[in-house]
Amino acid sequence: MPYTVPQIRTVNVDRYVLPLKEGGSMPGLVEGDDGFKYVVKFRGAAQGPKVLISELIGGEIARALGFKVPEIVFVTLDESFGRIEQDEEIQGQLKASVGLNIGVSYLSGSITFDPNVTVLSPELASRILWLDCLITNPDRTARNPNMLTWYKELWLIDHGAAMFFHYNWDQSPEQLAMKPFDRVKNHLMLPYAPMLNAADSYCHALLNGAVIRDIVNMIPDDWLLGDSPFASAGEHRQAYEQYLLSRLEHSVTFVNEAQHAGEENI
């Protein structure tokens, strides 16, 4: 089914429910003014807005490839939440996160995916591995699957660690796109993904320049300005687009890399 560009909703935080300290970005569970709960990544966390950009791009590329991903929303945080929080670390993060953040719908009652309990088809496992190679997502491991089972369906979550290249734009987007993805050797799906060539063909049929451009254009200007090596938000967006297009064009490189890593793990 062709990808339809979503109209990303903006919700305001009504209540900060719970910090989720298991991740480096220290997300939080909040209740929005629409009455629903969201897991929020805050711009004031250590990695800054780049985590939010990765979450948006990674999640929407996954959706474009047909995976189930919780709804992504923009989350506005008022300065009052930083004043009432007692934990000093969380208080500092909230104060630094006033404005626009990112959240995903909270899947209440979901359970962490376990490959020993739930067997995925080789086709599906290969497509998940292909996705994470494209966006260089190191955070889908046995220790931290970032896959949930909810109402007997598989959902992909948490792409904030992806595209780690953008912490240092020391080369052109095309050069960065050709860098090896060494951490593929730790990917949870590696032993279960023997159909990467078929996955490559399948994903290319769904992902193209227009889709990537539509997704990159969703990034708010606010997240692209500030500590940036680019003169404008437009140039910054174009760099992300060039990176992803180049990586897609040369996908045979990361497919071969993943296949080689799988052979070494046998």
C-alpha atoms as a PDB file:
ATOM      1  CA  MET A   1       0.000   0.000   0.000  1.00  0.00           C
ATOM      2  CA  PRO A   2       1.509   3.396  -0.966  1.00  0.00           C
ATOM      3  CA  TYR A   3       2.746   5.570   1.868  1.00  0.00           C
ATOM      4  CA  THR A   4       0.457   8.445   2.788  1.00  0.00           C
ATOM      5  CA  VAL A   5       2.106  11.422   4.445  1.00  0.00           C
ATOM      6  CA  PRO A   6       0.524  11.689   7.898  1.00  0.00           C
ATOM      7  CA  GLN A   7      -0.801  14.913   9.337  1.00  0.00           C
ATOM      8  CA  ILE A   8       1.183  14.782  12.546  1.00  0.00           C
ATOM      9  CA  ARG A   9      -0.919  16.039  15.429  1.00  0.00           C
ATOM     10  CA  THR A  10       0.378  18.378  18.114  1.00  0.00           C
ATOM     11  CA  VAL A  11      -0.651  17.662  21.700  1.00  0.00           C
ATOM     12  CA  ASN A  12       0.056  19.583  24.888  1.00  0.00           C
ATOM     13  CA  VAL A  13       1.278  17.857  28.040  1.00  0.00           C
ATOM     14  CA  ASP A  14      -1.404  17.870  30.723  1.00  0.00           C
ATOM     15  CA  ARG A  15       0.426  15.616  33.166  1.00  0.00           C
ATOM     16  CA  TYR A  16       3.943  14.238  33.495  1.00  0.00           C
ATOM     17  CA  VAL A  17       3.231  10.687  34.655  1.00  0.00           C
ATOM     18  CA  LEU A  18       6.489   8.795  34.954  1.00  0.00           C
ATOM     19  CA  PRO A  19      10.165   9.002  33.925  1.00  0.00           C
ATOM     20  CA  LEU A  20      11.420   6.022  31.941  1.00  0.00           C
ATOM     21  CA  LYS A  21      15.058   5.823  32.943  1.00  0.00           C
ATOM     22  CA  GLU A  22      16.018   2.688  31.031  1.00  0.00           C
ATOM     23  CA  GLY A  23      17.276   4.644  28.015  1.00  0.00           C
ATOM     24  CA  GLY A  24      20.089   7.149  27.637  1.00  0.00           C
ATOM     25  CA  SER A  25      17.663   9.756  26.355  1.00  0.00           C
ATOM     26  CA  MET A  26      15.517   9.320  29.496  1.00  0.00           C
ATOM     27  CA  PRO A  27      12.064   9.524  27.920  1.00  0.00           C
ATOM     28  CA  GLY A  28       8.950  10.063  29.976  1.00  0.00           C
ATOM     29  CA  LEU A  29       5.369   8.879  30.024  1.00  0.00           C
ATOM     30  CA  VAL A  30       2.975  11.810  29.788  1.00  0.00           C
ATOM     31  CA  GLU A  31      -0.743  12.391  29.425  1.00  0.00           C
ATOM     32  CA  GLY A  32      -1.760  14.735  26.632  1.00  0.00           C
ATOM     33  CA  ASP A  33      -4.596  17.213  26.522  1.00  0.00           C
ATOM     34  CA  ASP A  34      -6.425  14.735  24.279  1.00  0.00           C
ATOM     35  CA  GLY A  35      -6.651  12.258  27.176  1.00  0.00           C
ATOM     36  CA  PHE A  36      -4.170   9.741  25.739  1.00  0.00           C
ATOM     37  CA  LYS A  37      -0.755   8.720  27.052  1.00  0.00           C
ATOM     38  CA  TYR A  38       2.481   9.111  25.106  1.00  0.00           C
ATOM     39  CA  VAL A  39       6.102   8.100  25.524  1.00  0.00           C
ATOM     40  CA  VAL A  40       7.997  11.346  24.924  1.00  0.00           C
ATOM     41  CA  LYS A  41      11.581  11.995  23.882  1.00  0.00           C
ATOM     42  CA  PHE A  42      12.688  15.372  25.219  1.00  0.00           C
ATOM     43  CA  ARG A  43      14.841  17.852  23.343  1.00  0.00           C
ATOM     44  CA  GLY A  44      16.546  18.752  26.621  1.00  0.00           C
ATOM     45  CA  ALA A  45      18.054  15.275  27.060  1.00  0.00           C
ATOM     46  CA  ALA A  46      21.801  14.806  26.637  1.00  0.00           C
ATOM     47  CA  GLN A  47      21.673  14.079  22.890  1.00  0.00           C
ATOM     48  CA  GLY A  48      19.435  17.067  22.134  1.00  0.00           C
ATOM     49  CA  PRO A  49      17.053  17.420  19.166  1.00  0.00           C
ATOM     50  CA  LYS A  50      18.944  14.903  17.018  1.00  0.00           C
ATOM     51  CA  VAL A  51      17.236  12.054  18.889  1.00  0.00           C
ATOM     52  CA  LEU A  52      13.896  13.601  17.989  1.00  0.00           C
ATOM     53  CA  ILE A  53      14.897  13.817  14.327  1.00  0.00           C
ATOM     54  CA  SER A  54      15.985  10.165  14.293  1.00  0.00           C
ATOM     55  CA  GLU A  55      12.746   9.129  15.992  1.00  0.00           C
ATOM     56  CA  LEU A  56      10.685  10.923  13.374  1.00  0.00           C
ATOM     57  CA  ILE A  57      12.617   9.809  10.295  1.00  0.00           C
ATOM     58  CA  GLY A  58      13.166   6.231  11.484  1.00  0.00           C
ATOM     59  CA  GLY A  59       9.577   5.753  12.584  1.00  0.00           C
ATOM     60  CA  GLU A  60       8.070   7.136   9.397  1.00  0.00           C
ATOM     61  CA  ILE A  61      10.414   5.173   7.112  1.00  0.00           C
ATOM     62  CA  ALA A  62       9.384   2.042   9.035  1.00  0.00           C
ATOM     63  CA  ARG A  63       5.734   2.975   8.476  1.00  0.00           C
ATOM     64  CA  ALA A  64       6.383   3.573   4.766  1.00  0.00           C
ATOM     65  CA  LEU A  65       7.801   0.046   4.554  1.00  0.00           C
ATOM     66  CA  GLY A  66       4.602  -1.398   5.978  1.00  0.00           C
ATOM     67  CA  PHE A  67       5.624  -1.959   9.591  1.00  0.00           C
ATOM     68  CA  LYS A  68       3.301  -1.177  12.454  1.00  0.00           C
ATOM     69  CA  VAL A  69       4.606   1.867  14.344  1.00  0.00           C
ATOM     70  CA  PRO A  70       2.752   3.726  17.124  1.00  0.00           C
ATOM     71  CA  GLU A  71       1.354   7.108  16.109  1.00  0.00           C
ATOM     72  CA  ILE A  72       4.007   9.818  16.193  1.00  0.00           C
ATOM     73  CA  VAL A  73       2.946  13.190  17.594  1.00  0.00           C
ATOM     74  CA  PHE A  74       4.575  16.515  18.306  1.00  0.00           C
ATOM     75  CA  VAL A  75       4.385  17.240  22.026  1.00  0.00           C
ATOM     76  CA  THR A  76       4.419  20.758  23.453  1.00  0.00           C
ATOM     77  CA  LEU A  77       5.796  21.108  26.964  1.00  0.00           C
ATOM     78  CA  ASP A  78       5.010  24.118  29.138  1.00  0.00           C
ATOM     79  CA  GLU A  79       7.690  25.587  31.408  1.00  0.00           C
ATOM     80  CA  SER A  80       5.550  24.885  34.498  1.00  0.00           C
ATOM     81  CA  PHE A  81       6.429  21.170  34.471  1.00  0.00           C
ATOM     82  CA  GLY A  82      10.087  21.874  35.195  1.00  0.00           C
ATOM     83  CA  ARG A  83       9.166  23.891  38.278  1.00  0.00           C
ATOM     84  CA  ILE A  84       7.084  21.202  39.980  1.00  0.00           C
ATOM     85  CA  GLU A  85       9.326  18.165  39.367  1.00  0.00           C
ATOM     86  CA  GLN A  86      11.267  17.115  42.496  1.00  0.00           C
ATOM     87  CA  ASP A  87      14.004  15.023  40.855  1.00  0.00           C
ATOM     88  CA  GLU A  88      16.751  17.507  39.941  1.00  0.00           C
ATOM     89  CA  GLU A  89      17.943  15.559  36.879  1.00  0.00           C
ATOM     90  CA  ILE A  90      14.430  15.296  35.450  1.00  0.00           C
ATOM     91  CA  GLN A  91      13.690  18.889  36.432  1.00  0.00           C
ATOM     92  CA  GLY A  92      16.688  20.102  34.441  1.00  0.00           C
ATOM     93  CA  GLN A  93      15.667  18.062  31.417  1.00  0.00           C
ATOM     94  CA  LEU A  94      12.097  19.382  31.497  1.00  0.00           C
ATOM     95  CA  LYS A  95      13.229  22.982  31.834  1.00  0.00           C
ATOM     96  CA  ALA A  96      15.476  22.510  28.794  1.00  0.00           C
ATOM     97  CA  SER A  97      12.639  20.883  26.824  1.00  0.00           C
ATOM     98  CA  VAL A  98      10.093  23.703  26.838  1.00  0.00           C
ATOM     99  CA  GLY A  99       8.533  23.864  23.393  1.00  0.00           C
ATOM    100  CA  LEU A 100       8.244  21.130  20.781  1.00  0.00           C
ATOM    101  CA  ASN A 101       9.219  17.525  21.545  1.00  0.00           C
ATOM    102  CA  ILE A 102       8.245  14.177  20.047  1.00  0.00           C
ATOM    103  CA  GLY A 103       6.076  11.394  21.391  1.00  0.00           C
ATOM    104  CA  VAL A 104       4.596   8.074  20.346  1.00  0.00           C
ATOM    105  CA  SER A 105       1.339   6.538  21.469  1.00  0.00           C
ATOM    106  CA  TYR A 106       1.730   4.420  24.587  1.00  0.00           C
ATOM    107  CA  LEU A 107       0.785   0.807  23.844  1.00  0.00           C
ATOM    108  CA  SER A 108      -0.685  -0.139  27.206  1.00  0.00           C
ATOM    109  CA  GLY A 109      -0.435  -3.852  27.918  1.00  0.00           C
ATOM    110  CA  SER A 110       2.156  -4.567  25.236  1.00  0.00           C
ATOM    111  CA  ILE A 111       4.960  -7.047  25.907  1.00  0.00           C
ATOM    112  CA  THR A 112       8.581  -7.046  24.761  1.00  0.00           C
ATOM    113  CA  PHE A 113       9.172  -9.210  21.718  1.00  0.00           C
ATOM    114  CA  ASP A 114      11.080 -12.442  22.402  1.00  0.00           C
ATOM    115  CA  PRO A 115      12.302 -14.398  19.343  1.00  0.00           C
ATOM    116  CA  ASN A 116      12.301 -17.572  21.452  1.00  0.00           C
ATOM    117  CA  VAL A 117       8.581 -17.196  22.040  1.00  0.00           C
ATOM    118  CA  THR A 118       7.348 -15.559  18.831  1.00  0.00           C
ATOM    119  CA  VAL A 119       8.752 -16.829  15.553  1.00  0.00           C
ATOM    120  CA  LEU A 120       8.842 -14.309  12.706  1.00  0.00           C
ATOM    121  CA  SER A 121       8.829 -15.325   9.077  1.00  0.00           C
ATOM    122  CA  PRO A 122      12.203 -15.082   7.308  1.00  0.00           C
ATOM    123  CA  GLU A 123      10.687 -12.420   5.038  1.00  0.00           C
ATOM    124  CA  LEU A 124       9.618 -10.191   7.941  1.00  0.00           C
ATOM    125  CA  ALA A 125      12.851 -10.657   9.890  1.00  0.00           C
ATOM    126  CA  SER A 126      14.859  -9.760   6.771  1.00  0.00           C
ATOM    127  CA  ARG A 127      12.821  -6.598   6.174  1.00  0.00           C
ATOM    128  CA  ILE A 128      13.338  -5.441   9.749  1.00  0.00           C
ATOM    129  CA  LEU A 129      17.074  -5.990   9.421  1.00  0.00           C
ATOM    130  CA  TRP A 130      17.088  -4.147   6.070  1.00  0.00           C
ATOM    131  CA  LEU A 131      15.279  -1.157   7.628  1.00  0.00           C
ATOM    132  CA  ASP A 132      17.775  -0.871  10.455  1.00  0.00           C
ATOM    133  CA  CYS A 133      20.716  -1.151   8.065  1.00  0.00           C
ATOM    134  CA  LEU A 134      19.274   1.681   5.987  1.00  0.00           C
ATOM    135  CA  ILE A 135      18.883   4.026   8.964  1.00  0.00           C
ATOM    136  CA  THR A 136      21.921   2.609  10.842  1.00  0.00           C
ATOM    137  CA  ASN A 137      19.880   1.737  13.918  1.00  0.00           C
ATOM    138  CA  PRO A 138      22.124  -0.001  16.493  1.00  0.00           C
ATOM    139  CA  ASP A 139      19.335  -0.323  19.034  1.00  0.00           C
ATOM    140  CA  ARG A 140      17.526  -3.533  18.080  1.00  0.00           C
ATOM    141  CA  THR A 141      19.490  -6.126  20.014  1.00  0.00           C
ATOM    142  CA  ALA A 142      18.773  -9.124  22.236  1.00  0.00           C
ATOM    143  CA  ARG A 143      19.306  -6.872  25.227  1.00  0.00           C
ATOM    144  CA  ASN A 144      17.094  -4.096  23.871  1.00  0.00           C
ATOM    145  CA  PRO A 145      14.764  -5.403  21.115  1.00  0.00           C
ATOM    146  CA  ASN A 146      12.643  -2.246  20.710  1.00  0.00           C
ATOM    147  CA  MET A 147       9.923  -4.492  19.319  1.00  0.00           C
ATOM    148  CA  LEU A 148       6.614  -5.034  21.064  1.00  0.00           C
ATOM    149  CA  THR A 149       3.772  -7.504  20.746  1.00  0.00           C
ATOM    150  CA  TRP A 150       0.438  -5.752  21.162  1.00  0.00           C
ATOM    151  CA  TYR A 151      -2.873  -7.433  20.449  1.00  0.00           C
ATOM    152  CA  LYS A 152      -0.942 -10.280  18.776  1.00  0.00           C
ATOM    153  CA  GLU A 153       0.729  -7.919  16.300  1.00  0.00           C
ATOM    154  CA  LEU A 154       4.365  -6.839  16.036  1.00  0.00           C
ATOM    155  CA  TRP A 155       5.161  -3.140  16.554  1.00  0.00           C
ATOM    156  CA  LEU A 156       8.492  -1.386  16.030  1.00  0.00           C
ATOM    157  CA  ILE A 157       9.436   1.353  18.494  1.00  0.00           C
ATOM    158  CA  ASP A 158      12.278   3.662  19.505  1.00  0.00           C
ATOM    159  CA  HIS A 159      14.396   4.752  16.565  1.00  0.00           C
ATOM    160  CA  GLY A 160      16.051   7.617  18.440  1.00  0.00           C
ATOM    161  CA  ALA A 161      19.522   6.046  18.332  1.00  0.00           C
ATOM    162  CA  ALA A 162      19.455   5.660  14.551  1.00  0.00           C
ATOM    163  CA  MET A 163      21.464   7.753  12.098  1.00  0.00           C
ATOM    164  CA  PHE A 164      24.207   8.382  14.617  1.00  0.00           C
ATOM    165  CA  PHE A 165      26.282   9.935  11.826  1.00  0.00           C
ATOM    166  CA  HIS A 166      24.498  13.263  12.365  1.00  0.00           C
ATOM    167  CA  TYR A 167      26.407  13.982  15.577  1.00  0.00           C
ATOM    168  CA  ASN A 168      29.383  14.825  13.388  1.00  0.00           C
ATOM    169  CA  TRP A 169      28.827  16.143   9.870  1.00  0.00           C
ATOM    170  CA  ASP A 170      32.540  15.840   9.125  1.00  0.00           C
ATOM    171  CA  GLN A 171      32.020  14.588   5.562  1.00  0.00           C
ATOM    172  CA  SER A 172      29.510  15.050   2.767  1.00  0.00           C
ATOM    173  CA  PRO A 173      26.159  13.247   3.162  1.00  0.00           C
ATOM    174  CA  GLU A 174      27.121  10.892   0.336  1.00  0.00           C
ATOM    175  CA  GLN A 175      30.415   9.975   2.040  1.00  0.00           C
ATOM    176  CA  LEU A 176      28.707   9.461   5.387  1.00  0.00           C
ATOM    177  CA  ALA A 177      26.145   7.192   3.716  1.00  0.00           C
ATOM    178  CA  MET A 178      28.888   4.818   2.584  1.00  0.00           C
ATOM    179  CA  LYS A 179      30.388   4.298   6.031  1.00  0.00           C
ATOM    180  CA  PRO A 180      30.182   0.714   7.351  1.00  0.00           C
ATOM    181  CA  PHE A 181      27.459  -0.188   9.821  1.00  0.00           C
ATOM    182  CA  ASP A 182      29.625  -2.361  12.065  1.00  0.00           C
ATOM    183  CA  ARG A 183      26.997  -2.811  14.753  1.00  0.00           C
ATOM    184  CA  VAL A 184      24.826  -4.862  12.446  1.00  0.00           C
ATOM    185  CA  LYS A 185      26.627  -7.854  13.944  1.00  0.00           C
ATOM    186  CA  ASN A 186      24.632  -7.319  17.161  1.00  0.00           C
ATOM    187  CA  HIS A 187      21.220  -7.037  15.489  1.00  0.00           C
ATOM    188  CA  LEU A 188      18.502  -9.226  16.995  1.00  0.00           C
ATOM    189  CA  MET A 189      17.206 -10.330  13.594  1.00  0.00           C
ATOM    190  CA  LEU A 190      20.572 -11.279  12.090  1.00  0.00           C
ATOM    191  CA  PRO A 191      20.236 -15.067  12.710  1.00  0.00           C
ATOM    192  CA  TYR A 192      16.651 -15.065  11.409  1.00  0.00           C
ATOM    193  CA  ALA A 193      17.064 -13.021   8.219  1.00  0.00           C
ATOM    194  CA  PRO A 194      18.201 -15.193   5.286  1.00  0.00           C
ATOM    195  CA  MET A 195      16.213 -13.259   2.660  1.00  0.00           C
ATOM    196  CA  LEU A 196      17.945  -9.894   2.542  1.00  0.00           C
ATOM    197  CA  ASN A 197      18.107  -9.788  -1.263  1.00  0.00           C
ATOM    198  CA  ALA A 198      14.345 -10.289  -1.446  1.00  0.00           C
ATOM    199  CA  ALA A 199      13.889  -7.702   1.310  1.00  0.00           C
ATOM    200  CA  ASP A 200      16.004  -5.267  -0.691  1.00  0.00           C
ATOM    201  CA  SER A 201      13.730  -5.610  -3.719  1.00  0.00           C
ATOM    202  CA  TYR A 202      10.586  -5.380  -1.586  1.00  0.00           C
ATOM    203  CA  CYS A 203      11.715  -2.232   0.246  1.00  0.00           C
ATOM    204  CA  HIS A 204      12.915  -0.506  -2.922  1.00  0.00           C
ATOM    205  CA  ALA A 205       9.430  -0.938  -4.365  1.00  0.00           C
ATOM    206  CA  LEU A 206       7.977   1.018  -1.437  1.00  0.00           C
ATOM    207  CA  LEU A 207      10.682   3.575  -0.740  1.00  0.00           C
ATOM    208  CA  ASN A 208      11.770   6.205  -3.242  1.00  0.00           C
ATOM    209  CA  GLY A 209      13.022   9.759  -3.391  1.00  0.00           C
ATOM    210  CA  ALA A 210       9.567  11.294  -3.104  1.00  0.00           C
ATOM    211  CA  VAL A 211       8.750   9.323   0.049  1.00  0.00           C
ATOM    212  CA  ILE A 212      12.074  10.188   1.661  1.00  0.00           C
ATOM    213  CA  ARG A 213      11.610  13.858   0.779  1.00  0.00           C
ATOM    214  CA  ASP A 214       8.112  13.870   2.284  1.00  0.00           C
ATOM    215  CA  ILE A 215       9.404  12.352   5.519  1.00  0.00           C
ATOM    216  CA  VAL A 216      12.407  14.671   5.840  1.00  0.00           C
ATOM    217  CA  ASN A 217      10.141  17.674   5.211  1.00  0.00           C
ATOM    218  CA  MET A 218       8.227  16.795   8.392  1.00  0.00           C
ATOM    219  CA  ILE A 219      11.189  17.813  10.562  1.00  0.00           C
ATOM    220  CA  PRO A 220      10.331  21.071  12.364  1.00  0.00           C
ATOM    221  CA  ASP A 221      12.683  23.983  11.671  1.00  0.00           C
ATOM    222  CA  ASP A 222      13.190  24.376  15.399  1.00  0.00           C
ATOM    223  CA  TRP A 223      15.009  21.039  15.623  1.00  0.00           C
ATOM    224  CA  LEU A 224      17.347  21.903  12.742  1.00  0.00           C
ATOM    225  CA  LEU A 225      18.547  25.292  13.933  1.00  0.00           C
ATOM    226  CA  GLY A 226      20.886  26.141  16.788  1.00  0.00           C
ATOM    227  CA  ASP A 227      23.907  23.850  17.013  1.00  0.00           C
ATOM    228  CA  SER A 228      24.043  23.102  13.293  1.00  0.00           C
ATOM    229  CA  PRO A 229      26.831  23.210  10.695  1.00  0.00           C
ATOM    230  CA  PHE A 230      24.328  24.336   8.065  1.00  0.00           C
ATOM    231  CA  ALA A 231      23.302  27.882   7.199  1.00  0.00           C
ATOM    232  CA  SER A 232      19.586  27.154   7.197  1.00  0.00           C
ATOM    233  CA  ALA A 233      16.995  24.554   8.134  1.00  0.00           C
ATOM    234  CA  GLY A 234      16.466  23.938   4.420  1.00  0.00           C
ATOM    235  CA  GLU A 235      20.117  23.037   3.864  1.00  0.00           C
ATOM    236  CA  HIS A 236      20.030  20.801   6.906  1.00  0.00           C
ATOM    237  CA  ARG A 237      16.976  18.944   5.588  1.00  0.00           C
ATOM    238  CA  GLN A 238      18.616  18.571   2.191  1.00  0.00           C
ATOM    239  CA  ALA A 239      21.634  16.927   3.835  1.00  0.00           C
ATOM    240  CA  TYR A 240      19.417  14.322   5.510  1.00  0.00           C
ATOM    241  CA  GLU A 241      17.661  13.695   2.216  1.00  0.00           C
ATOM    242  CA  GLN A 242      20.944  13.285   0.331  1.00  0.00           C
ATOM    243  CA  TYR A 243      22.243  10.893   2.986  1.00  0.00           C
ATOM    244  CA  LEU A 244      19.156   8.672   2.848  1.00  0.00           C
ATOM    245  CA  LEU A 245      18.932   8.734  -0.945  1.00  0.00           C
ATOM    246  CA  SER A 246      22.580   7.768  -1.262  1.00  0.00           C
ATOM    247  CA  ARG A 247      22.210   4.970   1.272  1.00  0.00           C
ATOM    248  CA  LEU A 248      19.135   3.704  -0.559  1.00  0.00           C
ATOM    249  CA  GLU A 249      20.879   3.869  -3.939  1.00  0.00           C
ATOM    250  CA  HIS A 250      23.785   1.807  -2.600  1.00  0.00           C
ATOM    251  CA  SER A 251      21.727  -0.578  -0.480  1.00  0.00           C
ATOM    252  CA  VAL A 252      23.591  -3.549  -1.992  1.00  0.00           C
ATOM    253  CA  THR A 253      26.557  -2.427   0.142  1.00  0.00           C
ATOM    254  CA  PHE A 254      24.780  -2.757   3.479  1.00  0.00           C
ATOM    255  CA  VAL A 255      22.956  -5.905   2.333  1.00  0.00           C
ATOM    256  CA  ASN A 256      26.302  -7.553   1.603  1.00  0.00           C
ATOM    257  CA  GLU A 257      27.661  -6.250   4.893  1.00  0.00           C
ATOM    258  CA  ALA A 258      24.763  -7.792   6.838  1.00  0.00           C
ATOM    259  CA  GLN A 259      25.040 -11.087   4.962  1.00  0.00           C
ATOM    260  CA  HIS A 260      28.734 -11.253   5.765  1.00  0.00           C
ATOM    261  CA  ALA A 261      28.037 -10.520   9.448  1.00  0.00           C
ATOM    262  CA  GLY A 262      25.439 -13.314   9.467  1.00  0.00           C
ATOM    263  CA  GLU A 263      27.905 -15.798   7.976  1.00  0.00           C
ATOM    264  CA  GLU A 264      30.495 -14.917  10.611  1.00  0.00           C
ATOM    265  CA  ASN A 265      27.949 -15.550  13.396  1.00  0.00           C
ATOM    266  CA  ILE A 266      27.114 -19.071  12.212  1.00  0.00           C
END
